Amino acid sequence: MPIISIKIAKGRSIEQKRKLVKAVTDSVVSTLDVKPEWVSVLIEEFERENWSTGGELHIDKFGSGFGHSGTK
């Protein structure tokens, strides 16, 4: 029973998360030859103020709206 953990910054829409878990599940089913109902996908979301890369908080590096639907 595969359990996939995905960690992302908050801001993605529910529709984006639906597409993500569908794509990940389909890939695991195809790759591991298991039934879709055996695949669990866990999404952990983090505030940008609690995530940093290269010593800089994402909220400072990218701004508070980065990653929200319609932004890049």
PDB file of N, CA and C in Angstrom:
ATOM      1  N   MET A   1       0.827  -1.163   0.000  1.00  0.00           N
ATOM      2  CA  MET A   1       0.000   0.000   0.000  1.00  0.00           C
ATOM      3  C   MET A   1       0.887   1.246   0.000  1.00  0.00           C
ATOM      4  N   PRO A   2       1.126   1.855  -1.147  1.00  0.00           N
ATOM      5  CA  PRO A   2       1.984   3.040  -1.230  1.00  0.00           C
ATOM      6  C   PRO A   2       1.343   4.243  -0.535  1.00  0.00           C
ATOM      7  N   ILE A   3       2.154   4.968   0.213  1.00  0.00           N
ATOM      8  CA  ILE A   3       1.738   6.216   0.831  1.00  0.00           C
ATOM      9  C   ILE A   3       2.698   7.294   0.339  1.00  0.00           C
ATOM     10  N   ILE A   4       2.158   8.269  -0.365  1.00  0.00           N
ATOM     11  CA  ILE A   4       2.960   9.335  -0.961  1.00  0.00           C
ATOM     12  C   ILE A   4       2.740  10.605  -0.148  1.00  0.00           C
ATOM     13  N   SER A   5       3.818  11.244   0.266  1.00  0.00           N
ATOM     14  CA  SER A   5       3.727  12.496   1.017  1.00  0.00           C
ATOM     15  C   SER A   5       4.236  13.629   0.144  1.00  0.00           C
ATOM     16  N   ILE A   6       3.418  14.660   0.005  1.00  0.00           N
ATOM     17  CA  ILE A   6       3.773  15.834  -0.798  1.00  0.00           C
ATOM     18  C   ILE A   6       3.727  17.053   0.106  1.00  0.00           C
ATOM     19  N   LYS A   7       4.788  17.831   0.098  1.00  0.00           N
ATOM     20  CA  LYS A   7       4.853  19.043   0.909  1.00  0.00           C
ATOM     21  C   LYS A   7       4.897  20.241  -0.034  1.00  0.00           C
ATOM     22  N   ILE A   8       3.932  21.160   0.161  1.00  0.00           N
ATOM     23  CA  ILE A   8       3.848  22.340  -0.687  1.00  0.00           C
ATOM     24  C   ILE A   8       3.543  23.564   0.168  1.00  0.00           C
ATOM     25  N   ALA A   9       3.855  24.716  -0.367  1.00  0.00           N
ATOM     26  CA  ALA A   9       3.458  25.958   0.286  1.00  0.00           C
ATOM     27  C   ALA A   9       1.964  26.158   0.087  1.00  0.00           C
ATOM     28  N   LYS A  10       1.320  26.759   1.068  1.00  0.00           N
ATOM     29  CA  LYS A  10      -0.110  27.038   0.960  1.00  0.00           C
ATOM     30  C   LYS A  10      -0.365  27.974  -0.220  1.00  0.00           C
ATOM     31  N   GLY A  11      -1.555  27.843  -0.775  1.00  0.00           N
ATOM     32  CA  GLY A  11      -1.947  28.778  -1.835  1.00  0.00           C
ATOM     33  C   GLY A  11      -2.526  28.105  -3.060  1.00  0.00           C
ATOM     34  N   ARG A  12      -2.406  26.796  -3.173  1.00  0.00           N
ATOM     35  CA  ARG A  12      -2.953  26.100  -4.335  1.00  0.00           C
ATOM     36  C   ARG A  12      -4.448  25.901  -4.158  1.00  0.00           C
ATOM     37  N   SER A  13      -5.182  25.933  -5.246  1.00  0.00           N
ATOM     38  CA  SER A  13      -6.632  25.745  -5.198  1.00  0.00           C
ATOM     39  C   SER A  13      -6.960  24.273  -4.992  1.00  0.00           C
ATOM     40  N   ILE A  14      -8.174  24.005  -4.569  1.00  0.00           N
ATOM     41  CA  ILE A  14      -8.618  22.629  -4.393  1.00  0.00           C
ATOM     42  C   ILE A  14      -8.582  21.895  -5.734  1.00  0.00           C
ATOM     43  N   GLU A  15      -8.884  22.588  -6.817  1.00  0.00           N
ATOM     44  CA  GLU A  15      -8.848  21.949  -8.143  1.00  0.00           C
ATOM     45  C   GLU A  15      -7.412  21.543  -8.508  1.00  0.00           C
ATOM     46  N   GLN A  16      -6.439  22.378  -8.197  1.00  0.00           N
ATOM     47  CA  GLN A  16      -5.035  22.026  -8.451  1.00  0.00           C
ATOM     48  C   GLN A  16      -4.639  20.806  -7.632  1.00  0.00           C
ATOM     49  N   LYS A  17      -5.093  20.746  -6.387  1.00  0.00           N
ATOM     50  CA  LYS A  17      -4.767  19.597  -5.538  1.00  0.00           C
ATOM     51  C   LYS A  17      -5.462  18.337  -6.044  1.00  0.00           C
ATOM     52  N   ARG A  18      -6.677  18.458  -6.550  1.00  0.00           N
ATOM     53  CA  ARG A  18      -7.356  17.293  -7.140  1.00  0.00           C
ATOM     54  C   ARG A  18      -6.565  16.752  -8.330  1.00  0.00           C
ATOM     55  N   LYS A  19      -6.115  17.658  -9.187  1.00  0.00           N
ATOM     56  CA  LYS A  19      -5.320  17.241 -10.353  1.00  0.00           C
ATOM     57  C   LYS A  19      -4.009  16.605  -9.928  1.00  0.00           C
ATOM     58  N   LEU A  20      -3.386  17.171  -8.901  1.00  0.00           N
ATOM     59  CA  LEU A  20      -2.116  16.650  -8.402  1.00  0.00           C
ATOM     60  C   LEU A  20      -2.268  15.228  -7.883  1.00  0.00           C
ATOM     61  N   VAL A  21      -3.251  14.992  -6.998  1.00  0.00           N
ATOM     62  CA  VAL A  21      -3.391  13.655  -6.429  1.00  0.00           C
ATOM     63  C   VAL A  21      -3.827  12.637  -7.481  1.00  0.00           C
ATOM     64  N   LYS A  22      -4.593  13.064  -8.476  1.00  0.00           N
ATOM     65  CA  LYS A  22      -4.985  12.161  -9.570  1.00  0.00           C
ATOM     66  C   LYS A  22      -3.751  11.762 -10.383  1.00  0.00           C
ATOM     67  N   ALA A  23      -2.926  12.750 -10.750  1.00  0.00           N
ATOM     68  CA  ALA A  23      -1.725  12.470 -11.537  1.00  0.00           C
ATOM     69  C   ALA A  23      -0.743  11.584 -10.775  1.00  0.00           C
ATOM     70  N   VAL A  24      -0.542  11.873  -9.495  1.00  0.00           N
ATOM     71  CA  VAL A  24       0.381  11.075  -8.681  1.00  0.00           C
ATOM     72  C   VAL A  24      -0.154   9.653  -8.529  1.00  0.00           C
ATOM     73  N   THR A  25      -1.432   9.527  -8.239  1.00  0.00           N
ATOM     74  CA  THR A  25      -2.037   8.201  -8.089  1.00  0.00           C
ATOM     75  C   THR A  25      -1.912   7.402  -9.380  1.00  0.00           C
ATOM     76  N   ASP A  26      -2.242   8.017 -10.509  1.00  0.00           N
ATOM     77  CA  ASP A  26      -2.140   7.327 -11.797  1.00  0.00           C
ATOM     78  C   ASP A  26      -0.716   6.858 -12.065  1.00  0.00           C
ATOM     79  N   SER A  27       0.261   7.692 -11.734  1.00  0.00           N
ATOM     80  CA  SER A  27       1.663   7.331 -11.949  1.00  0.00           C
ATOM     81  C   SER A  27       2.083   6.160 -11.067  1.00  0.00           C
ATOM     82  N   VAL A  28       1.678   6.183  -9.801  1.00  0.00           N
ATOM     83  CA  VAL A  28       2.027   5.097  -8.884  1.00  0.00           C
ATOM     84  C   VAL A  28       1.357   3.797  -9.312  1.00  0.00           C
ATOM     85  N   VAL A  29       0.097   3.866  -9.710  1.00  0.00           N
ATOM     86  CA  VAL A  29      -0.629   2.678 -10.188  1.00  0.00           C
ATOM     87  C   VAL A  29       0.093   2.070 -11.381  1.00  0.00           C
ATOM     88  N   SER A  30       0.472   2.915 -12.321  1.00  0.00           N
ATOM     89  CA  SER A  30       1.151   2.443 -13.529  1.00  0.00           C
ATOM     90  C   SER A  30       2.540   1.884 -13.230  1.00  0.00           C
ATOM     91  N   THR A  31       3.275   2.563 -12.394  1.00  0.00           N
ATOM     92  CA  THR A  31       4.657   2.181 -12.102  1.00  0.00           C
ATOM     93  C   THR A  31       4.761   0.954 -11.206  1.00  0.00           C
ATOM     94  N   LEU A  32       3.913   0.899 -10.180  1.00  0.00           N
ATOM     95  CA  LEU A  32       4.014  -0.184  -9.199  1.00  0.00           C
ATOM     96  C   LEU A  32       3.010  -1.307  -9.425  1.00  0.00           C
ATOM     97  N   ASP A  33       2.157  -1.142 -10.422  1.00  0.00           N
ATOM     98  CA  ASP A  33       1.148  -2.152 -10.745  1.00  0.00           C
ATOM     99  C   ASP A  33       0.291  -2.489  -9.528  1.00  0.00           C
ATOM    100  N   VAL A  34      -0.289  -1.440  -8.935  1.00  0.00           N
ATOM    101  CA  VAL A  34      -1.186  -1.601  -7.790  1.00  0.00           C
ATOM    102  C   VAL A  34      -2.543  -0.986  -8.133  1.00  0.00           C
ATOM    103  N   LYS A  35      -3.535  -1.288  -7.324  1.00  0.00           N
ATOM    104  CA  LYS A  35      -4.866  -0.732  -7.521  1.00  0.00           C
ATOM    105  C   LYS A  35      -4.908   0.711  -7.001  1.00  0.00           C
ATOM    106  N   PRO A  36      -5.674   1.578  -7.683  1.00  0.00           N
ATOM    107  CA  PRO A  36      -5.753   2.975  -7.230  1.00  0.00           C
ATOM    108  C   PRO A  36      -6.201   3.105  -5.773  1.00  0.00           C
ATOM    109  N   GLU A  37      -7.100   2.233  -5.341  1.00  0.00           N
ATOM    110  CA  GLU A  37      -7.591   2.338  -3.965  1.00  0.00           C
ATOM    111  C   GLU A  37      -6.536   1.973  -2.929  1.00  0.00           C
ATOM    112  N   TRP A  38      -5.413   1.455  -3.351  1.00  0.00           N
ATOM    113  CA  TRP A  38      -4.317   1.143  -2.448  1.00  0.00           C
ATOM    114  C   TRP A  38      -3.371   2.324  -2.250  1.00  0.00           C
ATOM    115  N   VAL A  39      -3.509   3.336  -3.086  1.00  0.00           N
ATOM    116  CA  VAL A  39      -2.580   4.476  -3.066  1.00  0.00           C
ATOM    117  C   VAL A  39      -3.156   5.596  -2.194  1.00  0.00           C
ATOM    118  N   SER A  40      -2.381   6.016  -1.206  1.00  0.00           N
ATOM    119  CA  SER A  40      -2.741   7.168  -0.372  1.00  0.00           C
ATOM    120  C   SER A  40      -1.787   8.307  -0.686  1.00  0.00           C
ATOM    121  N   VAL A  41      -2.336   9.510  -0.820  1.00  0.00           N
ATOM    122  CA  VAL A  41      -1.525  10.706  -1.056  1.00  0.00           C
ATOM    123  C   VAL A  41      -1.834  11.697   0.056  1.00  0.00           C
ATOM    124  N   LEU A  42      -0.804  12.116   0.758  1.00  0.00           N
ATOM    125  CA  LEU A  42      -0.939  13.085   1.841  1.00  0.00           C
ATOM    126  C   LEU A  42      -0.338  14.406   1.393  1.00  0.00           C
ATOM    127  N   ILE A  43      -1.099  15.468   1.499  1.00  0.00           N
ATOM    128  CA  ILE A  43      -0.588  16.798   1.157  1.00  0.00           C
ATOM    129  C   ILE A  43      -0.421  17.589   2.444  1.00  0.00           C
ATOM    130  N   GLU A  44       0.803  18.026   2.689  1.00  0.00           N
ATOM    131  CA  GLU A  44       1.089  18.908   3.815  1.00  0.00           C
ATOM    132  C   GLU A  44       1.334  20.293   3.253  1.00  0.00           C
ATOM    133  N   GLU A  45       0.629  21.276   3.793  1.00  0.00           N
ATOM    134  CA  GLU A  45       0.790  22.645   3.325  1.00  0.00           C
ATOM    135  C   GLU A  45       1.456  23.490   4.416  1.00  0.00           C
ATOM    136  N   PHE A  46       2.359  24.341   3.977  1.00  0.00           N
ATOM    137  CA  PHE A  46       3.108  25.178   4.898  1.00  0.00           C
ATOM    138  C   PHE A  46       2.933  26.644   4.529  1.00  0.00           C
ATOM    139  N   GLU A  47       2.814  27.464   5.557  1.00  0.00           N
ATOM    140  CA  GLU A  47       2.803  28.914   5.336  1.00  0.00           C
ATOM    141  C   GLU A  47       4.179  29.323   4.820  1.00  0.00           C
ATOM    142  N   ARG A  48       4.197  30.298   3.943  1.00  0.00           N
ATOM    143  CA  ARG A  48       5.470  30.754   3.364  1.00  0.00           C
ATOM    144  C   ARG A  48       6.393  31.364   4.416  1.00  0.00           C
ATOM    145  N   GLU A  49       5.833  31.827   5.507  1.00  0.00           N
ATOM    146  CA  GLU A  49       6.675  32.375   6.574  1.00  0.00           C
ATOM    147  C   GLU A  49       7.387  31.280   7.353  1.00  0.00           C
ATOM    148  N   ASN A  50       7.008  30.019   7.124  1.00  0.00           N
ATOM    149  CA  ASN A  50       7.625  28.884   7.810  1.00  0.00           C
ATOM    150  C   ASN A  50       8.469  28.029   6.873  1.00  0.00           C
ATOM    151  N   TRP A  51       8.826  28.555   5.712  1.00  0.00           N
ATOM    152  CA  TRP A  51       9.580  27.797   4.715  1.00  0.00           C
ATOM    153  C   TRP A  51      10.650  28.728   4.151  1.00  0.00           C
ATOM    154  N   SER A  52      11.862  28.211   4.077  1.00  0.00           N
ATOM    155  CA  SER A  52      12.933  29.032   3.509  1.00  0.00           C
ATOM    156  C   SER A  52      13.776  28.210   2.540  1.00  0.00           C
ATOM    157  N   THR A  53      14.406  28.906   1.647  1.00  0.00           N
ATOM    158  CA  THR A  53      15.372  28.314   0.724  1.00  0.00           C
ATOM    159  C   THR A  53      16.554  29.273   0.639  1.00  0.00           C
ATOM    160  N   GLY A  54      17.746  28.737   0.763  1.00  0.00           N
ATOM    161  CA  GLY A  54      18.937  29.572   0.658  1.00  0.00           C
ATOM    162  C   GLY A  54      19.037  30.619   1.756  1.00  0.00           C
ATOM    163  N   GLY A  55      18.448  30.321   2.924  1.00  0.00           N
ATOM    164  CA  GLY A  55      18.546  31.244   4.046  1.00  0.00           C
ATOM    165  C   GLY A  55      17.569  32.395   4.016  1.00  0.00           C
ATOM    166  N   GLU A  56      16.606  32.353   3.105  1.00  0.00           N
ATOM    167  CA  GLU A  56      15.626  33.428   2.991  1.00  0.00           C
ATOM    168  C   GLU A  56      14.219  32.847   3.037  1.00  0.00           C
ATOM    169  N   LEU A  57      13.368  33.421   3.892  1.00  0.00           N
ATOM    170  CA  LEU A  57      11.992  32.964   3.978  1.00  0.00           C
ATOM    171  C   LEU A  57      11.282  33.172   2.641  1.00  0.00           C
ATOM    172  N   HIS A  58      10.448  32.223   2.275  1.00  0.00           N
ATOM    173  CA  HIS A  58       9.724  32.318   1.005  1.00  0.00           C
ATOM    174  C   HIS A  58       8.807  33.530   0.949  1.00  0.00           C
ATOM    175  N   ILE A  59       8.250  33.926   2.087  1.00  0.00           N
ATOM    176  CA  ILE A  59       7.382  35.101   2.089  1.00  0.00           C
ATOM    177  C   ILE A  59       8.171  36.353   1.706  1.00  0.00           C
ATOM    178  N   ASP A  60       9.466  36.397   2.068  1.00  0.00           N
ATOM    179  CA  ASP A  60      10.327  37.524   1.713  1.00  0.00           C
ATOM    180  C   ASP A  60      10.855  37.378   0.290  1.00  0.00           C
ATOM    181  N   LYS A  61      11.178  36.171  -0.076  1.00  0.00           N
ATOM    182  CA  LYS A  61      11.784  35.896  -1.373  1.00  0.00           C
ATOM    183  C   LYS A  61      10.783  36.023  -2.523  1.00  0.00           C
ATOM    184  N   PHE A  62       9.565  35.509  -2.315  1.00  0.00           N
ATOM    185  CA  PHE A  62       8.587  35.435  -3.394  1.00  0.00           C
ATOM    186  C   PHE A  62       7.358  36.307  -3.177  1.00  0.00           C
ATOM    187  N   GLY A  63       7.124  36.763  -1.964  1.00  0.00           N
ATOM    188  CA  GLY A  63       5.934  37.546  -1.660  1.00  0.00           C
ATOM    189  C   GLY A  63       4.805  36.652  -1.181  1.00  0.00           C
ATOM    190  N   SER A  64       3.848  37.249  -0.522  1.00  0.00           N
ATOM    191  CA  SER A  64       2.774  36.472   0.087  1.00  0.00           C
ATOM    192  C   SER A  64       1.810  35.881  -0.933  1.00  0.00           C
ATOM    193  N   GLY A  65       1.687  36.457  -2.119  1.00  0.00           N
ATOM    194  CA  GLY A  65       0.746  35.948  -3.121  1.00  0.00           C
ATOM    195  C   GLY A  65       1.314  34.894  -4.035  1.00  0.00           C
ATOM    196  N   PHE A  66       2.610  34.669  -3.989  1.00  0.00           N
ATOM    197  CA  PHE A  66       3.254  33.708  -4.904  1.00  0.00           C
ATOM    198  C   PHE A  66       2.688  32.320  -4.739  1.00  0.00           C
ATOM    199  N   GLY A  67       2.356  31.662  -5.861  1.00  0.00           N
ATOM    200  CA  GLY A  67       1.861  30.295  -5.842  1.00  0.00           C
ATOM    201  C   GLY A  67       0.358  30.190  -5.758  1.00  0.00           C
ATOM    202  N   HIS A  68      -0.313  31.289  -5.463  1.00  0.00           N
ATOM    203  CA  HIS A  68      -1.769  31.268  -5.441  1.00  0.00           C
ATOM    204  C   HIS A  68      -2.289  31.136  -6.859  1.00  0.00           C
ATOM    205  N   SER A  69      -3.479  30.635  -7.021  1.00  0.00           N
ATOM    206  CA  SER A  69      -4.076  30.459  -8.358  1.00  0.00           C
ATOM    207  C   SER A  69      -3.952  31.755  -9.149  1.00  0.00           C
ATOM    208  N   GLY A  70      -3.457  31.628 -10.361  1.00  0.00           N
ATOM    209  CA  GLY A  70      -3.323  32.768 -11.248  1.00  0.00           C
ATOM    210  C   GLY A  70      -2.042  33.565 -11.080  1.00  0.00           C
ATOM    211  N   THR A  71      -1.171  33.167 -10.165  1.00  0.00           N
ATOM    212  CA  THR A  71       0.106  33.876  -9.990  1.00  0.00           C
ATOM    213  C   THR A  71       1.246  32.913 -10.219  1.00  0.00           C
ATOM    214  N   LYS A  72       2.416  33.459 -10.469  1.00  0.00           N
ATOM    215  CA  LYS A  72       3.604  32.631 -10.660  1.00  0.00           C
ATOM    216  C   LYS A  72       4.730  33.179  -9.837  1.00  0.00           C
TER     217      LYS A  72
END
